[in-house]
Amino acid sequence: MENYTVDQVADLLGLHVKTVRGYIRDGRLPAVRIGKQYRIAKDDLAAFTGLPADPPPSPRHAEATSIVQVDGIDRAAMDRVSTMVLGALSAERSGLRVEFAYDERRRQLKVVVLGGLEETAQVLRIIDALVRP
């Protein structure tokens, strides 16, 4: 358990040290006396201020960047893949970003997918189903 000195509490709250000691003497701020100094528990300070002892954890966020390269694909198949993927995205409003680059001379399609893990996985499954021989 983390404890604070009177000086630390005064700094944290923007108060004078004498004001904090007065709160302790009045019993408004629980503290333990160790030698000549007071120690204030983190939970007691949180209860006194009305703030949480620990800030709520920020939600985790994970994103993926995937590049799919499809070799030996003609223009018609590339059009079908891009239309199907973009159609699926517009229906779901997934927040994904998908870009297509097609090299007709090499018959090569590159698809760049940026976004959440599950949404990216869904797009990759769609592409896999469309380009599988």
Protein backbone atom coordinates (compact mmCIF):
# COMPACT_ATOMS: atom_id res chain seq x y z
CA MET A 1 0.00 0.00 0.00
CA GLU A 2 1.30 3.41 -0.94
CA ASN A 3 1.52 6.10 1.72
CA TYR A 4 2.07 9.83 1.40
CA THR A 5 3.76 12.33 3.68
CA VAL A 6 1.98 15.51 4.72
CA ASP A 7 4.22 17.48 2.35
CA GLN A 8 3.31 15.18 -0.57
CA VAL A 9 -0.41 15.50 0.15
CA ALA A 10 -0.09 19.27 0.38
CA ASP A 11 1.66 19.33 -3.02
CA LEU A 12 -0.87 16.98 -4.60
CA LEU A 13 -3.84 19.01 -3.38
CA GLY A 14 -2.27 22.46 -3.77
CA LEU A 15 -2.68 23.17 -0.06
CA HIS A 16 -0.40 24.50 2.65
CA VAL A 17 1.20 21.88 4.90
CA LYS A 18 -0.50 23.45 7.95
CA THR A 19 -3.90 23.01 6.29
CA VAL A 20 -3.25 19.30 5.73
CA ARG A 21 -2.08 18.88 9.35
CA GLY A 22 -5.28 20.63 10.46
CA TYR A 23 -7.37 18.13 8.49
CA ILE A 24 -5.48 15.30 10.22
CA ARG A 25 -5.95 16.82 13.69
CA ASP A 26 -9.67 17.39 13.01
CA GLY A 27 -10.01 13.74 11.96
CA ARG A 28 -11.19 14.64 8.47
CA LEU A 29 -8.12 13.07 6.86
CA PRO A 30 -7.10 9.74 8.40
CA ALA A 31 -3.36 9.39 9.01
CA VAL A 32 -0.95 7.24 10.97
CA ARG A 33 1.76 8.80 13.05
CA ILE A 34 5.20 7.26 12.53
CA GLY A 35 7.74 8.90 14.80
CA LYS A 36 7.24 12.61 14.38
CA GLN A 37 5.62 12.40 10.95
CA TYR A 38 2.22 11.47 9.62
CA ARG A 39 1.61 9.06 6.78
CA ILE A 40 -1.60 9.16 4.76
CA ALA A 41 -2.71 5.99 2.95
CA LYS A 42 -3.52 6.29 -0.74
CA ASP A 43 -7.06 4.95 -0.19
CA ASP A 44 -7.68 7.42 2.66
CA LEU A 45 -6.53 10.31 0.49
CA ALA A 46 -8.81 9.09 -2.31
CA ALA A 47 -11.77 8.91 0.07
CA PHE A 48 -10.96 12.38 1.42
CA THR A 49 -10.77 13.96 -2.03
CA GLY A 50 -13.61 11.92 -3.53
CA LEU A 51 -11.33 10.78 -6.34
CA PRO A 52 -10.55 7.15 -7.16
CA ALA A 53 -7.37 5.79 -5.60
CA ASP A 54 -6.27 4.52 -8.98
CA PRO A 55 -7.47 6.04 -12.21
CA PRO A 56 -9.56 3.62 -14.23
CA PRO A 57 -7.40 1.68 -16.65
CA SER A 58 -7.59 2.92 -20.18
CA PRO A 59 -9.14 0.36 -22.48
CA ARG A 60 -6.66 -1.54 -24.55
CA HIS A 61 -6.67 -0.85 -28.21
CA ALA A 62 -4.99 -3.00 -30.80
CA GLU A 63 -4.76 -2.50 -34.53
CA ALA A 64 -3.30 -4.46 -37.40
CA THR A 65 -1.71 -3.44 -40.63
CA SER A 66 -1.83 -6.19 -43.22
CA ILE A 67 -0.60 -6.30 -46.78
CA VAL A 68 -2.05 -9.01 -48.98
CA GLN A 69 -0.33 -9.75 -52.26
CA VAL A 70 -2.20 -11.75 -54.88
CA ASP A 71 -0.19 -12.85 -57.91
CA GLY A 72 -1.64 -13.98 -61.24
CA ILE A 73 -4.92 -12.08 -60.93
CA ASP A 74 -6.56 -10.48 -63.96
CA ARG A 75 -8.40 -7.15 -64.05
CA ALA A 76 -11.89 -8.71 -63.82
CA ALA A 77 -10.97 -10.76 -60.73
CA MET A 78 -9.32 -7.73 -59.15
CA ASP A 79 -12.46 -5.68 -59.74
CA ARG A 80 -14.57 -8.42 -58.14
CA VAL A 81 -12.30 -8.58 -55.04
CA SER A 82 -12.24 -4.81 -54.55
CA THR A 83 -16.01 -4.48 -55.07
CA MET A 84 -16.83 -7.28 -52.62
CA VAL A 85 -14.44 -6.02 -49.93
CA LEU A 86 -15.57 -2.40 -50.21
CA GLY A 87 -19.21 -3.52 -50.24
CA ALA A 88 -18.72 -5.50 -47.03
CA LEU A 89 -17.03 -2.53 -45.39
CA SER A 90 -19.73 -0.02 -46.29
CA ALA A 91 -22.40 -2.31 -44.83
CA GLU A 92 -20.64 -2.66 -41.48
CA ARG A 93 -19.11 0.81 -40.90
CA SER A 94 -16.14 -0.95 -39.39
CA GLY A 95 -13.69 1.92 -39.23
CA LEU A 96 -11.25 -0.03 -41.37
CA ARG A 97 -9.14 1.54 -44.04
CA VAL A 98 -8.53 -0.60 -47.11
CA GLU A 99 -6.52 0.39 -50.15
CA PHE A 100 -5.99 -1.51 -53.40
CA ALA A 101 -3.05 -1.29 -55.79
CA TYR A 102 -3.16 -3.25 -59.03
CA ASP A 103 -0.23 -3.74 -61.41
CA GLU A 104 -1.80 -4.90 -64.66
CA ARG A 105 1.52 -5.70 -66.32
CA ARG A 106 2.54 -8.05 -63.49
CA ARG A 107 -1.06 -9.19 -62.86
CA GLN A 108 -0.49 -8.45 -59.19
CA LEU A 109 -2.90 -7.04 -56.61
CA LYS A 110 -1.85 -5.61 -53.27
CA VAL A 111 -4.44 -4.91 -50.62
CA VAL A 112 -3.50 -2.86 -47.55
CA VAL A 113 -5.81 -3.28 -44.56
CA LEU A 114 -5.54 -1.03 -41.49
CA GLY A 115 -7.79 -1.33 -38.47
CA GLY A 116 -9.03 -3.40 -35.56
CA LEU A 117 -7.92 -6.99 -35.23
CA GLU A 118 -11.27 -8.71 -35.68
CA GLU A 119 -12.37 -6.43 -38.51
CA THR A 120 -9.04 -6.97 -40.29
CA ALA A 121 -9.38 -10.72 -39.87
CA GLN A 122 -12.85 -10.59 -41.45
CA VAL A 123 -11.53 -8.71 -44.47
CA LEU A 124 -8.68 -11.19 -44.83
CA ARG A 125 -11.18 -14.06 -44.78
CA ILE A 126 -13.22 -12.37 -47.52
CA ILE A 127 -10.13 -11.86 -49.67
CA ASP A 128 -9.05 -15.46 -49.09
CA ALA A 129 -12.45 -16.77 -50.19
CA LEU A 130 -12.41 -14.62 -53.33
CA VAL A 131 -8.90 -15.39 -54.55
CA ARG A 132 -8.72 -19.08 -53.65
CA PRO A 133 -8.45 -21.16 -56.84
